[in-house]
């Protein structure tokens, strides 16, 4: 695989991944791209096949997974989701840094591939702050909030394991976290900009 190294971004919901990513993409327009994931769920209103997701059937997707065509995959609420090697290659072929936003299971699966990405974990300063951020969003039922917090606890523990991530960024100060994120990606950003 040629082109810039992909970036695997992981961390619990509420750690600030989306905020940091949006800023990175705004400050470095035309440098990053997202791979389009596959799913077996039905499209929601307004979603487009090939843009939001590659919508497919369970049979077709399972066959592709079995044939090793997927970098990572998981099942949520009875539907399969995953990132195909081809989806990442599509982004790299445009000479863009492919960003993969995955959970800790996805990180483990990607470690078994030849993708060679930069592994970055974005973590909250503490469980208390994370819980406050999630509650302030007011988008969760108490039950779903507790599930997210439990997943976050596991994620925070696993992010401390040596060798899982190239860098763990504690997002207690957005500016500082953003500078750390830019610093680790600088070399790849430069590669893309030099070829433009």
C-alpha atoms as a PDB file:
ATOM      1  CA  UNK A   1       0.000   0.000   0.000  1.00  0.00           C
ATOM      2  CA  UNK A   2       1.423   3.363  -0.992  1.00  0.00           C
ATOM      3  CA  UNK A   3       0.398   6.878  -0.061  1.00  0.00           C
ATOM      4  CA  UNK A   4       0.386   8.529   3.350  1.00  0.00           C
ATOM      5  CA  UNK A   5       0.002   6.382   6.458  1.00  0.00           C
ATOM      6  CA  UNK A   6      -3.583   6.075   7.659  1.00  0.00           C
ATOM      7  CA  UNK A   7      -4.555   7.273  11.116  1.00  0.00           C
ATOM      8  CA  UNK A   8      -6.492   5.124  13.552  1.00  0.00           C
ATOM      9  CA  UNK A   9      -8.311   7.320  16.036  1.00  0.00           C
ATOM     10  CA  UNK A  10      -9.891   5.760  19.070  1.00  0.00           C
ATOM     11  CA  UNK A  11     -11.319   6.824  22.399  1.00  0.00           C
ATOM     12  CA  UNK A  12     -14.585   6.855  24.297  1.00  0.00           C
ATOM     13  CA  UNK A  13     -17.632   8.867  23.309  1.00  0.00           C
ATOM     14  CA  UNK A  14     -17.316  12.317  24.878  1.00  0.00           C
ATOM     15  CA  UNK A  15     -13.496  12.385  24.877  1.00  0.00           C
ATOM     16  CA  UNK A  16     -13.505  15.031  22.131  1.00  0.00           C
ATOM     17  CA  UNK A  17     -12.476  13.037  19.041  1.00  0.00           C
ATOM     18  CA  UNK A  18     -15.055  14.664  16.751  1.00  0.00           C
ATOM     19  CA  UNK A  19     -14.208  18.186  17.909  1.00  0.00           C
ATOM     20  CA  UNK A  20     -10.479  17.615  17.327  1.00  0.00           C
ATOM     21  CA  UNK A  21     -11.079  15.928  13.960  1.00  0.00           C
ATOM     22  CA  UNK A  22     -13.345  18.693  12.663  1.00  0.00           C
ATOM     23  CA  UNK A  23     -10.729  21.291  13.529  1.00  0.00           C
ATOM     24  CA  UNK A  24      -7.915  19.265  11.969  1.00  0.00           C
ATOM     25  CA  UNK A  25      -9.879  18.841   8.742  1.00  0.00           C
ATOM     26  CA  UNK A  26     -10.808  22.532   8.656  1.00  0.00           C
ATOM     27  CA  UNK A  27      -7.197  23.663   9.242  1.00  0.00           C
ATOM     28  CA  UNK A  28      -5.801  21.175   6.702  1.00  0.00           C
ATOM     29  CA  UNK A  29      -8.360  21.119   3.919  1.00  0.00           C
ATOM     30  CA  UNK A  30      -7.681  18.556   1.217  1.00  0.00           C
ATOM     31  CA  UNK A  31      -5.287  16.525   3.383  1.00  0.00           C
ATOM     32  CA  UNK A  32      -7.548  14.043   5.173  1.00  0.00           C
ATOM     33  CA  UNK A  33     -10.224  11.661   3.996  1.00  0.00           C
ATOM     34  CA  UNK A  34     -12.562   9.193   5.626  1.00  0.00           C
ATOM     35  CA  UNK A  35     -12.938   5.662   4.452  1.00  0.00           C
ATOM     36  CA  UNK A  36     -16.575   4.843   3.758  1.00  0.00           C
ATOM     37  CA  UNK A  37     -17.670   1.994   6.029  1.00  0.00           C
ATOM     38  CA  UNK A  38     -19.898  -0.908   5.052  1.00  0.00           C
ATOM     39  CA  UNK A  39     -23.071  -1.780   6.911  1.00  0.00           C
ATOM     40  CA  UNK A  40     -25.946  -4.226   6.662  1.00  0.00           C
ATOM     41  CA  UNK A  41     -28.434  -1.806   8.237  1.00  0.00           C
ATOM     42  CA  UNK A  42     -30.952   0.026   6.079  1.00  0.00           C
ATOM     43  CA  UNK A  43     -30.149   3.573   4.955  1.00  0.00           C
ATOM     44  CA  UNK A  44     -31.641   6.336   7.092  1.00  0.00           C
ATOM     45  CA  UNK A  45     -33.463   9.212   5.358  1.00  0.00           C
ATOM     46  CA  UNK A  46     -30.986  11.322   3.396  1.00  0.00           C
ATOM     47  CA  UNK A  47     -28.128   8.795   3.550  1.00  0.00           C
ATOM     48  CA  UNK A  48     -26.489   7.938   0.243  1.00  0.00           C
ATOM     49  CA  UNK A  49     -24.938   4.636  -0.724  1.00  0.00           C
ATOM     50  CA  UNK A  50     -21.203   5.057  -1.276  1.00  0.00           C
ATOM     51  CA  UNK A  51     -21.126   8.414   0.516  1.00  0.00           C
ATOM     52  CA  UNK A  52     -22.438   7.797   4.052  1.00  0.00           C
ATOM     53  CA  UNK A  53     -21.992   4.021   3.955  1.00  0.00           C
ATOM     54  CA  UNK A  54     -21.693   1.190   1.492  1.00  0.00           C
ATOM     55  CA  UNK A  55     -25.046  -0.468   2.169  1.00  0.00           C
ATOM     56  CA  UNK A  56     -24.973  -4.203   1.604  1.00  0.00           C
ATOM     57  CA  UNK A  57     -26.547  -7.485   2.653  1.00  0.00           C
ATOM     58  CA  UNK A  58     -25.360  -9.649   5.538  1.00  0.00           C
ATOM     59  CA  UNK A  59     -24.547 -12.509   3.132  1.00  0.00           C
ATOM     60  CA  UNK A  60     -22.375 -10.383   0.840  1.00  0.00           C
ATOM     61  CA  UNK A  61     -20.602  -8.658   3.708  1.00  0.00           C
ATOM     62  CA  UNK A  62     -19.984 -11.866   5.653  1.00  0.00           C
ATOM     63  CA  UNK A  63     -18.499 -13.480   2.552  1.00  0.00           C
ATOM     64  CA  UNK A  64     -16.119 -10.503   2.099  1.00  0.00           C
ATOM     65  CA  UNK A  65     -15.143 -10.646   5.784  1.00  0.00           C
ATOM     66  CA  UNK A  66     -14.464 -14.384   5.483  1.00  0.00           C
ATOM     67  CA  UNK A  67     -12.279 -13.702   2.430  1.00  0.00           C
ATOM     68  CA  UNK A  68     -10.169 -11.240   4.439  1.00  0.00           C
ATOM     69  CA  UNK A  69     -11.296  -8.132   2.556  1.00  0.00           C
ATOM     70  CA  UNK A  70     -12.071  -6.196   5.752  1.00  0.00           C
ATOM     71  CA  UNK A  71      -9.610  -4.436   8.045  1.00  0.00           C
ATOM     72  CA  UNK A  72     -12.068  -4.433  10.924  1.00  0.00           C
ATOM     73  CA  UNK A  73     -15.705  -5.263  11.519  1.00  0.00           C
ATOM     74  CA  UNK A  74     -18.157  -5.472  14.372  1.00  0.00           C
ATOM     75  CA  UNK A  75     -21.806  -6.150  15.040  1.00  0.00           C
ATOM     76  CA  UNK A  76     -24.079  -3.581  16.704  1.00  0.00           C
ATOM     77  CA  UNK A  77     -27.803  -4.014  17.261  1.00  0.00           C
ATOM     78  CA  UNK A  78     -27.956  -6.979  14.893  1.00  0.00           C
ATOM     79  CA  UNK A  79     -26.205  -5.194  12.002  1.00  0.00           C
ATOM     80  CA  UNK A  80     -22.676  -5.657  10.698  1.00  0.00           C
ATOM     81  CA  UNK A  81     -20.383  -2.657  10.289  1.00  0.00           C
ATOM     82  CA  UNK A  82     -16.848  -2.626   8.954  1.00  0.00           C
ATOM     83  CA  UNK A  83     -14.023  -1.017   7.039  1.00  0.00           C
ATOM     84  CA  UNK A  84     -12.861  -2.719   3.857  1.00  0.00           C
ATOM     85  CA  UNK A  85      -9.289  -2.623   2.614  1.00  0.00           C
ATOM     86  CA  UNK A  86     -10.640  -1.193  -0.652  1.00  0.00           C
ATOM     87  CA  UNK A  87     -12.295   1.737   1.170  1.00  0.00           C
ATOM     88  CA  UNK A  88      -8.966   2.711   2.752  1.00  0.00           C
ATOM     89  CA  UNK A  89      -7.160   2.278  -0.572  1.00  0.00           C
ATOM     90  CA  UNK A  90      -9.695   4.598  -2.277  1.00  0.00           C
ATOM     91  CA  UNK A  91      -8.691   7.382   0.133  1.00  0.00           C
ATOM     92  CA  UNK A  92      -4.959   6.691  -0.166  1.00  0.00           C
ATOM     93  CA  UNK A  93      -5.199   6.621  -3.965  1.00  0.00           C
ATOM     94  CA  UNK A  94      -6.300  10.278  -3.767  1.00  0.00           C
ATOM     95  CA  UNK A  95      -3.094  10.939  -1.764  1.00  0.00           C
ATOM     96  CA  UNK A  96      -5.104  11.724   1.366  1.00  0.00           C
ATOM     97  CA  UNK A  97      -4.465  10.616   4.932  1.00  0.00           C
ATOM     98  CA  UNK A  98      -7.204   8.095   5.650  1.00  0.00           C
ATOM     99  CA  UNK A  99      -8.804   8.515   9.071  1.00  0.00           C
ATOM    100  CA  UNK A 100     -10.344   5.481  10.722  1.00  0.00           C
ATOM    101  CA  UNK A 101     -12.452   6.263  13.780  1.00  0.00           C
ATOM    102  CA  UNK A 102     -12.770   2.893  15.532  1.00  0.00           C
ATOM    103  CA  UNK A 103     -13.382   1.403  18.958  1.00  0.00           C
ATOM    104  CA  UNK A 104     -10.782  -0.541  20.904  1.00  0.00           C
ATOM    105  CA  UNK A 105     -11.876  -3.848  19.290  1.00  0.00           C
ATOM    106  CA  UNK A 106     -11.308  -2.253  15.892  1.00  0.00           C
ATOM    107  CA  UNK A 107      -7.822  -1.175  16.992  1.00  0.00           C
ATOM    108  CA  UNK A 108      -6.994  -4.772  17.953  1.00  0.00           C
ATOM    109  CA  UNK A 109      -8.230  -6.089  14.597  1.00  0.00           C
ATOM    110  CA  UNK A 110      -6.288  -3.475  12.625  1.00  0.00           C
ATOM    111  CA  UNK A 111      -3.119  -4.463  14.547  1.00  0.00           C
ATOM    112  CA  UNK A 112      -3.389  -7.862  12.814  1.00  0.00           C
ATOM    113  CA  UNK A 113      -3.301  -6.296   9.318  1.00  0.00           C
ATOM    114  CA  UNK A 114      -0.481  -4.842   7.219  1.00  0.00           C
ATOM    115  CA  UNK A 115      -2.044  -1.360   7.259  1.00  0.00           C
ATOM    116  CA  UNK A 116       0.733   0.263   9.372  1.00  0.00           C
ATOM    117  CA  UNK A 117      -1.304   3.248  10.586  1.00  0.00           C
ATOM    118  CA  UNK A 118      -0.518   5.792  13.295  1.00  0.00           C
ATOM    119  CA  UNK A 119      -2.522   4.726  16.369  1.00  0.00           C
ATOM    120  CA  UNK A 120      -3.917   7.626  18.415  1.00  0.00           C
ATOM    121  CA  UNK A 121      -6.121   7.408  21.499  1.00  0.00           C
ATOM    122  CA  UNK A 122      -8.044  10.473  22.673  1.00  0.00           C
ATOM    123  CA  UNK A 123      -8.955  10.132  26.353  1.00  0.00           C
ATOM    124  CA  UNK A 124     -10.880  12.295  28.800  1.00  0.00           C
ATOM    125  CA  UNK A 125      -9.031  13.607  31.878  1.00  0.00           C
ATOM    126  CA  UNK A 126     -11.251  11.526  34.172  1.00  0.00           C
ATOM    127  CA  UNK A 127     -14.458   9.496  34.324  1.00  0.00           C
ATOM    128  CA  UNK A 128     -16.147  12.353  36.219  1.00  0.00           C
ATOM    129  CA  UNK A 129     -15.394  14.870  33.478  1.00  0.00           C
ATOM    130  CA  UNK A 130     -16.463  12.406  30.792  1.00  0.00           C
ATOM    131  CA  UNK A 131     -19.763  11.771  32.584  1.00  0.00           C
ATOM    132  CA  UNK A 132     -20.364  15.521  32.863  1.00  0.00           C
ATOM    133  CA  UNK A 133     -19.635  16.016  29.132  1.00  0.00           C
ATOM    134  CA  UNK A 134     -22.025  13.212  28.171  1.00  0.00           C
ATOM    135  CA  UNK A 135     -24.760  14.481  30.528  1.00  0.00           C
ATOM    136  CA  UNK A 136     -24.346  18.042  29.211  1.00  0.00           C
ATOM    137  CA  UNK A 137     -25.071  16.812  25.678  1.00  0.00           C
ATOM    138  CA  UNK A 138     -28.536  15.713  26.846  1.00  0.00           C
ATOM    139  CA  UNK A 139     -28.717  13.169  24.029  1.00  0.00           C
ATOM    140  CA  UNK A 140     -28.729   9.979  26.119  1.00  0.00           C
ATOM    141  CA  UNK A 141     -31.196   8.062  28.212  1.00  0.00           C
ATOM    142  CA  UNK A 142     -29.826   7.098  31.619  1.00  0.00           C
ATOM    143  CA  UNK A 143     -29.508   3.497  30.426  1.00  0.00           C
ATOM    144  CA  UNK A 144     -27.560   4.382  27.261  1.00  0.00           C
ATOM    145  CA  UNK A 145     -25.426   6.818  29.263  1.00  0.00           C
ATOM    146  CA  UNK A 146     -24.452   4.061  31.703  1.00  0.00           C
ATOM    147  CA  UNK A 147     -23.557   1.778  28.765  1.00  0.00           C
ATOM    148  CA  UNK A 148     -21.344   4.496  27.271  1.00  0.00           C
ATOM    149  CA  UNK A 149     -19.655   5.088  30.634  1.00  0.00           C
ATOM    150  CA  UNK A 150     -18.977   1.389  31.100  1.00  0.00           C
ATOM    151  CA  UNK A 151     -17.504   1.167  27.577  1.00  0.00           C
ATOM    152  CA  UNK A 152     -15.416   4.269  28.383  1.00  0.00           C
ATOM    153  CA  UNK A 153     -14.054   2.681  31.579  1.00  0.00           C
ATOM    154  CA  UNK A 154     -12.863  -0.336  29.583  1.00  0.00           C
ATOM    155  CA  UNK A 155     -11.481   1.899  26.817  1.00  0.00           C
ATOM    156  CA  UNK A 156      -9.541   4.055  29.302  1.00  0.00           C
ATOM    157  CA  UNK A 157      -7.985   0.968  30.915  1.00  0.00           C
ATOM    158  CA  UNK A 158      -7.006  -0.612  27.597  1.00  0.00           C
ATOM    159  CA  UNK A 159      -5.490   2.638  26.316  1.00  0.00           C
ATOM    160  CA  UNK A 160      -2.899   2.354  29.099  1.00  0.00           C
ATOM    161  CA  UNK A 161      -1.573  -0.977  27.805  1.00  0.00           C
ATOM    162  CA  UNK A 162       1.942  -0.464  26.417  1.00  0.00           C
ATOM    163  CA  UNK A 163       2.257  -0.726  22.645  1.00  0.00           C
ATOM    164  CA  UNK A 164      -1.444  -0.407  21.810  1.00  0.00           C
ATOM    165  CA  UNK A 165      -1.222   3.261  20.766  1.00  0.00           C
ATOM    166  CA  UNK A 166       1.591   5.400  19.379  1.00  0.00           C
ATOM    167  CA  UNK A 167       0.259   8.259  21.491  1.00  0.00           C
ATOM    168  CA  UNK A 168      -2.455   8.757  24.099  1.00  0.00           C
ATOM    169  CA  UNK A 169      -3.725  12.337  24.202  1.00  0.00           C
ATOM    170  CA  UNK A 170      -5.521  13.372  27.389  1.00  0.00           C
ATOM    171  CA  UNK A 171      -8.057  15.978  26.314  1.00  0.00           C
ATOM    172  CA  UNK A 172      -8.242  18.197  29.385  1.00  0.00           C
ATOM    173  CA  UNK A 173      -7.350  21.326  27.408  1.00  0.00           C
ATOM    174  CA  UNK A 174      -8.605  21.466  23.815  1.00  0.00           C
ATOM    175  CA  UNK A 175      -5.755  23.694  22.553  1.00  0.00           C
ATOM    176  CA  UNK A 176      -3.081  21.484  24.093  1.00  0.00           C
ATOM    177  CA  UNK A 177      -4.754  18.289  22.824  1.00  0.00           C
ATOM    178  CA  UNK A 178      -5.027  19.771  19.330  1.00  0.00           C
ATOM    179  CA  UNK A 179      -1.336  20.743  19.304  1.00  0.00           C
ATOM    180  CA  UNK A 180      -0.368  17.202  20.379  1.00  0.00           C
ATOM    181  CA  UNK A 181      -2.557  15.710  17.642  1.00  0.00           C
ATOM    182  CA  UNK A 182      -1.041  17.996  14.993  1.00  0.00           C
ATOM    183  CA  UNK A 183       2.499  17.241  16.189  1.00  0.00           C
ATOM    184  CA  UNK A 184       2.128  13.464  15.749  1.00  0.00           C
ATOM    185  CA  UNK A 185       0.537  13.903  12.303  1.00  0.00           C
ATOM    186  CA  UNK A 186       2.856  16.634  11.058  1.00  0.00           C
ATOM    187  CA  UNK A 187       5.132  14.367   9.035  1.00  0.00           C
ATOM    188  CA  UNK A 188       2.230  12.744   7.148  1.00  0.00           C
ATOM    189  CA  UNK A 189       0.485  16.113   6.631  1.00  0.00           C
ATOM    190  CA  UNK A 190       3.730  17.451   5.154  1.00  0.00           C
ATOM    191  CA  UNK A 191       3.997  14.485   2.758  1.00  0.00           C
ATOM    192  CA  UNK A 192       0.518  15.183   1.388  1.00  0.00           C
ATOM    193  CA  UNK A 193       1.084  18.945   1.105  1.00  0.00           C
ATOM    194  CA  UNK A 194       4.427  18.443  -0.656  1.00  0.00           C
ATOM    195  CA  UNK A 195       2.753  16.497  -3.462  1.00  0.00           C
ATOM    196  CA  UNK A 196      -0.038  19.018  -4.060  1.00  0.00           C
END
